[in-house]
Amino acid sequence: MAAITANGTTVTWNGSIADVVSITAPSVTVATIDTTNIAAVHRTFLGGTIDSGEVSLEIMYDPKLDTDIEDAWDNTATAAPVESDMVITFTDSSTYTFKAIMTGFSVTLATDAAVTASCTFKISGAVTTA
C-alpha cells in the first residue's frame, strides 16, 4: 500500500491559508429514511440526503498576517457567511475541492506555546476528489 505524508499539504479558502498545523478532513454521512412496515421482523431503510460534513483547521495565528481569515470571520457579525471554494491539496497532488462556509473561529493563547487558531468550515454540496 502506498502512503503519503501530510507534510506539504496546502489549503486554500478566500486565498491561501498559511501555517496550517492540522486538518480534519470532510466526513460524509447519509441520512436514513425508515421504511419498516408493521409486518417486518427487521427494519428497512432508504438512503436520504448526503451531508458532506465539516473541515476543521488548526493554524499558527498572527492577527497582523492572517487578515483574510479574520476578516471573513469578522464579517459574520454584520452579514450572513458566504460560501467560498476550498481546496485541500495533498503532497501527491490529489485534491478535495468543495464550497464551504466558515462557521467557527477561536484563538488559543498559552504559556510557552505559539498562538493558534481553530477554524471550522461547513461544507455546502459535494466534495470532489481528483
C-alpha atoms as a PDB file:
ATOM      1  CA  MET A   1       0.000   0.000   0.000  1.00  0.00           C
ATOM      2  CA  ALA A   2       1.364   3.404  -0.943  1.00  0.00           C
ATOM      3  CA  ALA A   3       1.345   6.063   1.742  1.00  0.00           C
ATOM      4  CA  ILE A   4       1.846   9.794   1.605  1.00  0.00           C
ATOM      5  CA  THR A   5       2.882  12.219   4.292  1.00  0.00           C
ATOM      6  CA  ALA A   6       0.798  15.161   5.468  1.00  0.00           C
ATOM      7  CA  ASN A   7       3.826  17.450   5.298  1.00  0.00           C
ATOM      8  CA  GLY A   8       3.392  19.801   2.356  1.00  0.00           C
ATOM      9  CA  THR A   9      -0.421  19.639   2.265  1.00  0.00           C
ATOM     10  CA  THR A  10      -1.944  23.049   1.476  1.00  0.00           C
ATOM     11  CA  VAL A  11      -5.378  24.616   1.983  1.00  0.00           C
ATOM     12  CA  THR A  12      -6.989  27.498   0.122  1.00  0.00           C
ATOM     13  CA  TRP A  13     -10.203  29.312   1.033  1.00  0.00           C
ATOM     14  CA  ASN A  14     -10.534  33.011   0.169  1.00  0.00           C
ATOM     15  CA  GLY A  15      -6.847  32.769  -0.694  1.00  0.00           C
ATOM     16  CA  SER A  16      -4.137  30.579   0.745  1.00  0.00           C
ATOM     17  CA  ILE A  17      -4.329  29.668   4.432  1.00  0.00           C
ATOM     18  CA  ALA A  18      -0.805  29.794   5.821  1.00  0.00           C
ATOM     19  CA  ASP A  19       0.802  27.875   8.666  1.00  0.00           C
ATOM     20  CA  VAL A  20      -1.736  25.041   8.867  1.00  0.00           C
ATOM     21  CA  VAL A  21      -0.819  22.708  11.732  1.00  0.00           C
ATOM     22  CA  SER A  22      -3.591  20.132  11.328  1.00  0.00           C
ATOM     23  CA  ILE A  23      -6.614  19.373   9.174  1.00  0.00           C
ATOM     24  CA  THR A  24      -9.667  17.301   9.985  1.00  0.00           C
ATOM     25  CA  ALA A  25     -10.879  16.360   6.523  1.00  0.00           C
ATOM     26  CA  PRO A  26     -14.515  16.019   5.417  1.00  0.00           C
ATOM     27  CA  SER A  27     -16.510  13.094   6.772  1.00  0.00           C
ATOM     28  CA  VAL A  28     -19.567  12.239   4.734  1.00  0.00           C
ATOM     29  CA  THR A  29     -22.759  10.951   6.351  1.00  0.00           C
ATOM     30  CA  VAL A  30     -26.007   9.825   4.764  1.00  0.00           C
ATOM     31  CA  ALA A  31     -29.421  10.368   6.326  1.00  0.00           C
ATOM     32  CA  THR A  32     -31.595   7.293   6.554  1.00  0.00           C
ATOM     33  CA  ILE A  33     -35.310   7.039   5.941  1.00  0.00           C
ATOM     34  CA  ASP A  34     -37.103   4.291   7.867  1.00  0.00           C
ATOM     35  CA  THR A  35     -39.273   2.207   5.535  1.00  0.00           C
ATOM     36  CA  THR A  36     -40.116  -0.571   8.001  1.00  0.00           C
ATOM     37  CA  ASN A  37     -43.714  -1.751   7.840  1.00  0.00           C
ATOM     38  CA  ILE A  38     -45.667  -3.300  10.694  1.00  0.00           C
ATOM     39  CA  ALA A  39     -45.278  -6.874   9.365  1.00  0.00           C
ATOM     40  CA  ALA A  40     -41.449  -6.664   9.168  1.00  0.00           C
ATOM     41  CA  VAL A  41     -39.165  -8.523  11.533  1.00  0.00           C
ATOM     42  CA  HIS A  42     -36.141  -6.422  10.512  1.00  0.00           C
ATOM     43  CA  ARG A  43     -36.022  -2.680   9.993  1.00  0.00           C
ATOM     44  CA  THR A  44     -35.535  -1.457   6.414  1.00  0.00           C
ATOM     45  CA  PHE A  45     -34.167   1.862   5.213  1.00  0.00           C
ATOM     46  CA  LEU A  46     -33.608   4.032   2.172  1.00  0.00           C
ATOM     47  CA  GLY A  47     -30.645   6.332   1.814  1.00  0.00           C
ATOM     48  CA  GLY A  48     -31.545  10.002   2.179  1.00  0.00           C
ATOM     49  CA  THR A  49     -29.612  13.190   1.602  1.00  0.00           C
ATOM     50  CA  ILE A  50     -25.834  13.325   1.858  1.00  0.00           C
ATOM     51  CA  ASP A  51     -24.134  15.667   4.335  1.00  0.00           C
ATOM     52  CA  SER A  52     -20.517  16.308   3.370  1.00  0.00           C
ATOM     53  CA  GLY A  53     -19.700  17.364   6.929  1.00  0.00           C
ATOM     54  CA  GLU A  54     -17.166  19.883   8.152  1.00  0.00           C
ATOM     55  CA  VAL A  55     -13.489  20.678   7.876  1.00  0.00           C
ATOM     56  CA  SER A  56     -11.520  21.867  10.890  1.00  0.00           C
ATOM     57  CA  LEU A  57      -8.159  23.559  10.678  1.00  0.00           C
ATOM     58  CA  GLU A  58      -5.672  24.488  13.344  1.00  0.00           C
ATOM     59  CA  ILE A  59      -3.318  27.226  12.202  1.00  0.00           C
ATOM     60  CA  MET A  60      -0.417  29.146  13.696  1.00  0.00           C
ATOM     61  CA  TYR A  61      -2.105  32.523  14.084  1.00  0.00           C
ATOM     62  CA  ASP A  62      -0.814  36.061  13.701  1.00  0.00           C
ATOM     63  CA  PRO A  63      -3.582  38.709  13.615  1.00  0.00           C
ATOM     64  CA  LYS A  64      -1.346  41.040  11.573  1.00  0.00           C
ATOM     65  CA  LEU A  65      -0.709  38.427   8.883  1.00  0.00           C
ATOM     66  CA  ASP A  66      -3.854  36.280   8.821  1.00  0.00           C
ATOM     67  CA  THR A  67      -6.174  39.106   7.850  1.00  0.00           C
ATOM     68  CA  ASP A  68      -8.134  37.151   5.178  1.00  0.00           C
ATOM     69  CA  ILE A  69      -9.387  34.580   7.645  1.00  0.00           C
ATOM     70  CA  GLU A  70     -10.024  37.110  10.403  1.00  0.00           C
ATOM     71  CA  ASP A  71     -11.865  39.465   8.034  1.00  0.00           C
ATOM     72  CA  ALA A  72     -14.081  36.592   6.886  1.00  0.00           C
ATOM     73  CA  TRP A  73     -14.948  35.822  10.495  1.00  0.00           C
ATOM     74  CA  ASP A  74     -15.449  39.489  11.447  1.00  0.00           C
ATOM     75  CA  ASN A  75     -17.888  39.876   8.546  1.00  0.00           C
ATOM     76  CA  THR A  76     -20.219  37.325  10.158  1.00  0.00           C
ATOM     77  CA  ALA A  77     -21.068  39.973  12.774  1.00  0.00           C
ATOM     78  CA  THR A  78     -22.851  42.056  10.140  1.00  0.00           C
ATOM     79  CA  ALA A  79     -23.797  39.657   7.344  1.00  0.00           C
ATOM     80  CA  ALA A  80     -24.550  36.012   6.738  1.00  0.00           C
ATOM     81  CA  PRO A  81     -21.449  33.970   5.921  1.00  0.00           C
ATOM     82  CA  VAL A  82     -20.751  33.458   2.237  1.00  0.00           C
ATOM     83  CA  GLU A  83     -19.606  30.141   0.837  1.00  0.00           C
ATOM     84  CA  SER A  84     -16.257  30.106  -0.932  1.00  0.00           C
ATOM     85  CA  ASP A  85     -14.286  27.450  -2.752  1.00  0.00           C
ATOM     86  CA  MET A  86     -11.974  25.392  -0.541  1.00  0.00           C
ATOM     87  CA  VAL A  87      -9.246  23.141  -1.909  1.00  0.00           C
ATOM     88  CA  ILE A  88      -7.117  20.758   0.122  1.00  0.00           C
ATOM     89  CA  THR A  89      -4.098  19.716  -1.950  1.00  0.00           C
ATOM     90  CA  PHE A  90      -2.194  16.673  -0.740  1.00  0.00           C
ATOM     91  CA  THR A  91       1.524  16.075  -1.286  1.00  0.00           C
ATOM     92  CA  ASP A  92       0.808  13.656  -4.146  1.00  0.00           C
ATOM     93  CA  SER A  93      -1.152  16.484  -5.889  1.00  0.00           C
ATOM     94  CA  SER A  94      -4.547  14.850  -5.290  1.00  0.00           C
ATOM     95  CA  THR A  95      -7.242  17.255  -4.105  1.00  0.00           C
ATOM     96  CA  TYR A  96     -10.503  17.652  -2.251  1.00  0.00           C
ATOM     97  CA  THR A  97     -12.494  20.553  -3.725  1.00  0.00           C
ATOM     98  CA  PHE A  98     -15.761  21.911  -2.333  1.00  0.00           C
ATOM     99  CA  LYS A  99     -17.666  25.011  -1.269  1.00  0.00           C
ATOM    100  CA  ALA A 100     -17.565  25.881   2.423  1.00  0.00           C
ATOM    101  CA  ILE A 101     -18.928  28.432   4.885  1.00  0.00           C
ATOM    102  CA  MET A 102     -16.814  29.479   7.863  1.00  0.00           C
ATOM    103  CA  THR A 103     -18.846  28.582  10.958  1.00  0.00           C
ATOM    104  CA  GLY A 104     -16.308  28.872  13.765  1.00  0.00           C
ATOM    105  CA  PHE A 105     -13.120  30.704  14.712  1.00  0.00           C
ATOM    106  CA  SER A 106     -11.319  30.756  18.039  1.00  0.00           C
ATOM    107  CA  VAL A 107      -7.836  31.804  19.123  1.00  0.00           C
ATOM    108  CA  THR A 108      -5.834  29.911  21.756  1.00  0.00           C
ATOM    109  CA  LEU A 109      -3.081  31.549  23.794  1.00  0.00           C
ATOM    110  CA  ALA A 110      -0.994  29.564  26.272  1.00  0.00           C
ATOM    111  CA  THR A 111       2.281  29.921  28.131  1.00  0.00           C
ATOM    112  CA  ASP A 112       5.310  28.720  26.154  1.00  0.00           C
ATOM    113  CA  ALA A 113       3.236  27.961  23.077  1.00  0.00           C
ATOM    114  CA  ALA A 114       2.635  29.531  19.703  1.00  0.00           C
ATOM    115  CA  VAL A 115      -0.633  31.397  19.279  1.00  0.00           C
ATOM    116  CA  THR A 116      -3.006  29.177  17.318  1.00  0.00           C
ATOM    117  CA  ALA A 117      -6.495  29.480  15.902  1.00  0.00           C
ATOM    118  CA  SER A 118      -9.118  26.841  15.220  1.00  0.00           C
ATOM    119  CA  CYS A 119     -11.263  27.384  12.148  1.00  0.00           C
ATOM    120  CA  THR A 120     -14.359  25.367  11.300  1.00  0.00           C
ATOM    121  CA  PHE A 121     -15.980  25.228   7.876  1.00  0.00           C
ATOM    122  CA  LYS A 122     -19.324  23.653   6.929  1.00  0.00           C
ATOM    123  CA  ILE A 123     -19.271  22.053   3.512  1.00  0.00           C
ATOM    124  CA  SER A 124     -22.056  23.079   1.147  1.00  0.00           C
ATOM    125  CA  GLY A 125     -22.746  20.454  -1.513  1.00  0.00           C
ATOM    126  CA  ALA A 126     -20.483  17.659  -2.694  1.00  0.00           C
ATOM    127  CA  VAL A 127     -16.771  17.074  -2.213  1.00  0.00           C
ATOM    128  CA  THR A 128     -14.944  16.425  -5.467  1.00  0.00           C
ATOM    129  CA  THR A 129     -11.807  14.324  -5.348  1.00  0.00           C
ATOM    130  CA  ALA A 130      -9.196  14.396  -8.080  1.00  0.00           C
END
